[in-house]
Amino acid sequence: MKNAIKVLCFTLAVIIVAVSSFLIYFKWDKTDFEYVDSTEKGEVIITAYKGDSKNIIIPSKIRGKKVTQIDSGSFEESDITSIEIGDNVTYIGKSAFRDCKSLKTVKLGKSILNIDEGAFNECSALEEIVLPKSLEKLGGSIFAGCTSLKKVTVEDGGNFVIKDGVLFSTDMKILYFALPYQDLGNYVCPDSVEEIKPLAFYECDSLTGFTFSNKVKNVPQGVFVLCTQLKELTIPDSVTQLGSALIAGSGVNKITIPASVKVIDDSAFIKTDGTVDSSLVIRTPSGAKAETYAKEKNIKLEIIK
């Protein structure tokens, strides 16, 4: 009889422990985030938010696994008002918070390495943000359309510096993008700049003129898109390549292209509707690549010496 009671008690104890463990696990697993569980790496990638809160905290861990990424478009067009990102997150994907019109406050974690293209695009309520010193990579136009943005701060000891409202690498060799609140006017690119990132001056309505550094070799994709006050461009002799959609939606009606330019993207001078900008005037020396390009695209041509 005693042995039977002992067995019964032991069985009950096992059941209680199992049920308790299940309940604890269930509670632990409960989350308002949709995510991908990357079991091999022991990491979690946030893919969406399904909760009702407007003030979001991205946890450092879910189910004991590090939250290391916020996937592309995860919070796009949501009505959240604040976001605090955990210190294990290293990557914020393309358009992750795009068009979050009510997003006013953003606190980035201390481990962010990469903020991809358009991550905070059209967050029109966002007022200020601090870029942590851990940050290594930035995509284009991440703050485009942030019409309330008054201040972007870069932590000391990091990989970036802000000068005259434009964000550069600390050695001033790479120009990343102009801050949307800066009155750029007739902007002169620092002589040290060797590379300009795509979409660097996206939707900069205050840009009325632009002078390139003589060290720049490539004018990248979409660099002056929607710069409506920019009327004329002169490409320096250092440039050998022009990317796509350079001036779509801008005010540029005349561009001077030297003979040094050997590669011009097929859609370099398209309008926002995808058609060729036939109202543009290309000024270039006789025999240059730009002459052939203008004739092929039926773009107005002016031969210069």
Protein backbone atom coordinates (compact mmCIF):
# COMPACT_ATOMS: atom_id res chain seq x y z
CA MET A 1 0.00 0.00 0.00
CA LYS A 2 2.80 2.35 0.96
CA ASN A 3 4.59 1.60 -2.30
CA ALA A 4 1.41 2.35 -4.26
CA ILE A 5 1.05 5.70 -2.49
CA LYS A 6 4.68 6.54 -3.24
CA VAL A 7 4.20 5.71 -6.91
CA LEU A 8 1.02 7.81 -7.02
CA CYS A 9 2.74 10.78 -5.36
CA PHE A 10 5.70 10.51 -7.73
CA THR A 11 3.38 10.36 -10.74
CA LEU A 12 1.45 13.41 -9.56
CA ALA A 13 4.69 15.30 -9.00
CA VAL A 14 5.86 14.52 -12.54
CA ILE A 15 2.50 15.67 -13.95
CA ILE A 16 2.61 18.91 -11.94
CA VAL A 17 6.17 19.67 -13.08
CA ALA A 18 5.28 18.92 -16.71
CA VAL A 19 2.14 21.09 -16.64
CA SER A 20 4.00 23.93 -14.90
CA SER A 21 6.79 23.74 -17.45
CA PHE A 22 4.25 23.84 -20.27
CA LEU A 23 2.52 26.88 -18.79
CA ILE A 24 5.79 28.69 -18.20
CA TYR A 25 6.93 27.87 -21.73
CA PHE A 26 3.63 29.04 -23.21
CA LYS A 27 3.79 32.32 -21.32
CA TRP A 28 7.44 32.77 -22.28
CA ASP A 29 6.64 32.09 -25.92
CA LYS A 30 3.77 34.57 -26.06
CA THR A 31 4.72 37.61 -28.17
CA ASP A 32 3.11 40.26 -30.35
CA PHE A 33 5.89 39.94 -32.90
CA GLU A 34 5.92 37.67 -35.89
CA TYR A 35 9.38 36.32 -36.44
CA VAL A 36 11.58 33.79 -38.16
CA ASP A 37 13.40 31.44 -35.81
CA SER A 38 16.86 30.88 -37.24
CA THR A 39 17.60 27.73 -35.26
CA GLU A 40 21.05 27.08 -36.72
CA LYS A 41 22.37 30.44 -35.59
CA GLY A 42 20.22 30.68 -32.50
CA GLU A 43 18.84 34.02 -33.67
CA VAL A 44 15.44 35.60 -34.28
CA ILE A 45 14.44 37.91 -37.14
CA ILE A 46 11.40 40.16 -36.56
CA THR A 47 9.15 40.08 -39.65
CA ALA A 48 5.97 41.86 -38.47
CA TYR A 49 4.08 43.24 -35.47
CA LYS A 50 0.54 42.07 -34.65
CA GLY A 51 -0.08 43.82 -31.32
CA ASP A 52 -2.14 46.90 -30.44
CA SER A 53 0.46 48.99 -28.63
CA LYS A 54 1.69 52.17 -30.27
CA ASN A 55 4.87 52.24 -28.16
CA ILE A 56 7.03 49.32 -29.23
CA ILE A 57 10.05 47.79 -27.57
CA ILE A 58 11.99 45.31 -29.69
CA PRO A 59 13.27 42.78 -27.12
CA SER A 60 16.85 41.63 -26.98
CA LYS A 61 15.62 38.03 -26.92
CA ILE A 62 12.57 35.93 -27.81
CA ARG A 63 12.37 32.39 -26.42
CA GLY A 64 15.92 32.80 -25.21
CA LYS A 65 17.27 33.53 -28.69
CA LYS A 66 18.82 36.82 -29.66
CA VAL A 67 16.74 39.18 -31.79
CA THR A 68 19.35 40.28 -34.34
CA GLN A 69 17.37 41.64 -37.28
CA ILE A 70 14.27 43.65 -38.17
CA ASP A 71 13.24 42.44 -41.60
CA SER A 72 12.40 44.62 -44.61
CA GLY A 73 8.97 46.25 -44.35
CA SER A 74 8.27 44.78 -40.89
CA PHE A 75 6.48 47.89 -39.57
CA GLU A 76 5.78 49.63 -42.88
CA GLU A 77 2.72 51.94 -42.79
CA SER A 78 1.90 51.06 -39.16
CA ASP A 79 0.58 53.65 -36.69
CA ILE A 80 3.19 53.17 -33.97
CA THR A 81 4.41 56.30 -32.17
CA SER A 82 7.69 55.13 -30.64
CA ILE A 83 10.19 52.34 -31.13
CA GLU A 84 13.00 51.19 -28.86
CA ILE A 85 15.33 48.64 -30.42
CA GLY A 86 17.08 45.99 -28.34
CA ASP A 87 20.86 45.90 -28.02
CA ASN A 88 21.21 42.60 -29.90
CA VAL A 89 19.74 43.98 -33.14
CA THR A 90 22.44 44.50 -35.77
CA TYR A 91 20.36 45.06 -38.93
CA ILE A 92 17.30 47.15 -39.85
CA GLY A 93 15.95 46.15 -43.25
CA LYS A 94 14.78 48.14 -46.25
CA SER A 95 11.68 50.23 -45.59
CA ALA A 96 11.35 48.62 -42.14
CA PHE A 97 9.53 51.67 -40.73
CA ARG A 98 8.64 53.35 -43.98
CA ASP A 99 5.55 55.56 -43.96
CA CYS A 100 4.98 55.27 -40.20
CA LYS A 101 3.35 58.71 -40.12
CA SER A 102 2.92 58.80 -36.32
CA LEU A 103 6.41 57.59 -35.42
CA LYS A 104 7.90 60.39 -33.34
CA THR A 105 10.56 58.72 -31.19
CA VAL A 106 13.24 56.21 -32.21
CA LYS A 107 15.88 54.77 -29.91
CA LEU A 108 18.44 52.62 -31.68
CA GLY A 109 20.29 49.82 -29.90
CA LYS A 110 24.01 49.81 -29.21
CA SER A 111 24.80 47.00 -31.67
CA ILE A 112 23.29 48.36 -34.91
CA LEU A 113 25.67 47.71 -37.81
CA ASN A 114 23.50 48.33 -40.85
CA ILE A 115 20.42 50.47 -41.55
CA ASP A 116 19.22 49.66 -45.05
CA GLU A 117 17.67 51.80 -47.76
CA GLY A 118 14.55 53.81 -46.89
CA ALA A 119 14.32 52.39 -43.35
CA PHE A 120 12.61 55.53 -41.97
CA ASN A 121 11.43 56.99 -45.26
CA GLU A 122 8.29 59.19 -44.95
CA CYS A 123 8.23 59.07 -41.13
CA SER A 124 6.86 62.60 -41.14
CA ALA A 125 6.49 62.90 -37.33
CA LEU A 126 10.05 61.84 -36.49
CA GLU A 127 11.83 64.76 -34.82
CA GLU A 128 15.33 63.53 -33.95
CA ILE A 129 17.51 60.43 -33.88
CA VAL A 130 20.93 59.38 -32.60
CA LEU A 131 23.06 57.11 -34.81
CA PRO A 132 25.13 54.81 -32.54
CA LYS A 133 28.89 54.50 -32.90
CA SER A 134 28.48 50.80 -33.77
CA LEU A 135 26.89 51.73 -37.12
CA GLU A 136 28.95 50.68 -40.17
CA LYS A 137 26.59 50.76 -43.18
CA LEU A 138 23.78 53.06 -44.30
CA GLY A 139 21.42 52.71 -47.24
CA GLY A 140 20.11 55.57 -49.34
CA SER A 141 17.26 57.95 -48.49
CA ILE A 142 16.69 56.53 -45.00
CA PHE A 143 15.26 59.88 -43.81
CA ALA A 144 13.67 61.09 -47.05
CA GLY A 145 10.25 62.58 -46.39
CA CYS A 146 10.95 63.03 -42.66
CA THR A 147 9.56 66.56 -42.75
CA SER A 148 9.59 67.07 -38.95
CA LEU A 149 13.19 65.92 -38.50
CA LYS A 150 15.16 68.65 -36.73
CA LYS A 151 18.26 66.87 -35.51
CA VAL A 152 20.42 63.87 -36.39
CA THR A 153 23.30 63.15 -34.02
CA VAL A 154 26.25 60.83 -34.59
CA GLU A 155 27.87 59.32 -31.51
CA ASP A 156 31.54 60.10 -31.00
CA GLY A 157 33.99 57.41 -32.02
CA GLY A 158 31.80 56.07 -34.81
CA ASN A 159 32.16 55.70 -38.56
CA PHE A 160 30.28 58.82 -39.61
CA VAL A 161 30.45 62.58 -39.31
CA ILE A 162 27.99 65.35 -40.19
CA LYS A 163 29.24 68.48 -41.90
CA ASP A 164 27.02 71.27 -43.23
CA GLY A 165 23.97 69.03 -43.02
CA VAL A 166 25.49 66.17 -45.02
CA LEU A 167 26.56 62.81 -43.58
CA PHE A 168 30.02 61.49 -44.51
CA SER A 169 32.40 58.73 -43.52
CA THR A 170 34.79 59.96 -40.84
CA ASP A 171 37.62 60.31 -43.38
CA MET A 172 35.31 62.45 -45.57
CA LYS A 173 35.89 60.17 -48.56
CA ILE A 174 32.31 58.86 -48.81
CA LEU A 175 29.26 61.09 -49.03
CA TYR A 176 26.20 59.18 -47.80
CA PHE A 177 23.26 61.57 -47.86
CA ALA A 178 22.00 65.04 -47.10
CA LEU A 179 19.80 65.54 -44.06
CA PRO A 180 16.29 66.61 -45.05
CA TYR A 181 16.17 69.64 -42.74
CA GLN A 182 19.34 71.24 -44.14
CA ASP A 183 19.13 74.29 -46.41
CA LEU A 184 21.75 73.23 -48.96
CA GLY A 185 21.54 75.99 -51.54
CA ASN A 186 24.42 75.88 -54.02
CA TYR A 187 26.31 72.94 -52.52
CA VAL A 188 30.04 72.38 -53.10
CA CYS A 189 31.16 68.83 -52.48
CA PRO A 190 34.33 68.62 -50.31
CA ASP A 191 37.51 67.91 -52.31
CA SER A 192 38.18 64.75 -50.27
CA VAL A 193 35.05 62.95 -51.49
CA GLU A 194 35.76 59.95 -53.73
CA GLU A 195 32.38 58.24 -53.61
CA ILE A 196 28.77 59.43 -53.51
CA LYS A 197 26.16 56.91 -52.41
CA PRO A 198 22.94 56.26 -54.40
CA LEU A 199 20.00 58.55 -53.60
CA ALA A 200 22.35 60.86 -51.66
CA PHE A 201 20.32 64.02 -52.36
CA TYR A 202 16.93 62.37 -52.78
CA GLU A 203 14.10 64.92 -52.55
CA CYS A 204 16.37 67.79 -51.43
CA ASP A 205 14.13 70.67 -52.41
CA SER A 206 16.63 73.24 -51.10
CA LEU A 207 19.44 72.13 -53.44
CA THR A 208 19.86 74.82 -56.13
CA GLY A 209 23.31 73.94 -57.42
CA PHE A 210 25.91 71.20 -57.08
CA THR A 211 29.67 71.10 -57.62
CA PHE A 212 31.31 67.67 -57.67
CA SER A 213 34.65 66.73 -56.16
CA ASN A 214 37.28 66.07 -58.84
CA LYS A 215 37.93 62.67 -57.23
CA VAL A 216 34.47 61.24 -57.92
CA LYS A 217 34.51 58.55 -60.62
CA ASN A 218 30.90 57.38 -60.58
CA VAL A 219 27.65 59.33 -60.35
CA PRO A 220 25.33 56.71 -58.83
CA GLN A 221 21.68 55.78 -59.17
CA GLY A 222 19.06 58.38 -58.30
CA VAL A 223 21.49 60.82 -56.73
CA PHE A 224 19.38 63.92 -57.58
CA VAL A 225 15.88 62.42 -57.75
CA LEU A 226 13.15 64.99 -56.95
CA CYS A 227 15.61 67.86 -56.46
CA THR A 228 13.10 70.27 -57.96
CA GLN A 229 15.16 73.46 -57.56
CA LEU A 230 18.28 72.02 -59.20
CA LYS A 231 18.43 73.31 -62.80
CA GLU A 232 21.87 72.52 -64.20
CA LEU A 233 24.70 70.03 -63.64
CA THR A 234 28.31 69.88 -64.75
CA ILE A 235 30.00 66.48 -64.54
CA PRO A 236 33.76 66.70 -63.85
CA ASP A 237 36.47 65.03 -65.96
CA SER A 238 37.15 62.50 -63.21
CA VAL A 239 33.81 60.78 -63.81
CA THR A 240 33.72 57.72 -66.08
CA GLN A 241 30.26 56.32 -65.35
CA LEU A 242 26.69 57.63 -64.92
CA GLY A 243 24.06 55.52 -63.15
CA SER A 244 20.29 55.17 -63.61
CA ALA A 245 17.54 57.73 -62.94
CA LEU A 246 20.02 60.41 -61.97
CA ILE A 247 17.70 63.41 -62.19
CA ALA A 248 14.19 61.92 -62.33
CA GLY A 249 11.63 64.41 -61.07
CA SER A 250 14.26 67.11 -60.65
CA GLY A 251 14.43 70.54 -62.24
CA VAL A 252 17.59 69.78 -64.23
CA ASN A 253 17.20 70.87 -67.84
CA LYS A 254 20.85 71.02 -68.85
CA ILE A 255 23.77 68.72 -68.08
CA THR A 256 27.39 68.96 -69.24
CA ILE A 257 29.05 65.58 -69.71
CA PRO A 258 32.79 65.31 -70.46
CA ALA A 259 34.45 62.86 -72.85
CA SER A 260 35.82 60.95 -69.83
CA VAL A 261 32.37 59.41 -69.32
CA LYS A 262 32.44 56.06 -71.10
CA VAL A 263 29.42 54.35 -69.52
CA ILE A 264 25.93 55.84 -69.31
CA ASP A 265 23.10 53.72 -67.93
CA ASP A 266 20.29 53.13 -70.41
CA SER A 267 17.83 54.81 -68.01
CA ALA A 268 20.15 57.56 -66.77
CA PHE A 269 17.85 60.36 -67.89
CA ILE A 270 14.37 58.96 -67.49
CA LYS A 271 11.52 60.90 -65.91
CA THR A 272 9.49 59.62 -62.95
CA ASP A 273 7.07 57.95 -65.36
CA GLY A 274 9.91 55.94 -66.90
CA THR A 275 10.02 57.77 -70.23
CA VAL A 276 13.12 59.53 -71.55
CA ASP A 277 13.42 63.20 -70.62
CA SER A 278 13.45 64.65 -74.14
CA SER A 279 13.36 68.23 -72.79
CA LEU A 280 16.84 67.80 -71.33
CA VAL A 281 19.85 69.33 -73.10
CA ILE A 282 23.08 67.32 -73.03
CA ARG A 283 26.25 69.37 -73.56
CA THR A 284 29.24 67.26 -74.55
CA PRO A 285 32.33 67.25 -76.86
CA SER A 286 32.06 65.81 -80.36
CA GLY A 287 32.75 62.09 -80.47
CA ALA A 288 32.03 61.57 -76.78
CA LYS A 289 29.89 58.73 -75.50
CA ALA A 290 27.28 61.27 -74.41
CA GLU A 291 26.86 62.45 -78.02
CA THR A 292 25.97 58.96 -79.20
CA TYR A 293 23.72 58.46 -76.20
CA ALA A 294 21.79 61.70 -76.81
CA LYS A 295 21.20 60.84 -80.45
CA GLU A 296 20.03 57.32 -79.61
CA LYS A 297 17.59 58.63 -76.99
CA ASN A 298 16.42 61.66 -79.01
CA ILE A 299 17.66 64.01 -76.29
CA LYS A 300 18.58 67.54 -77.29
CA LEU A 301 22.30 67.88 -77.96
CA GLU A 302 24.77 70.76 -77.77
CA ILE A 303 28.34 70.11 -78.93
CA ILE A 304 31.04 71.87 -76.91
CA LYS A 305 34.82 72.09 -77.19
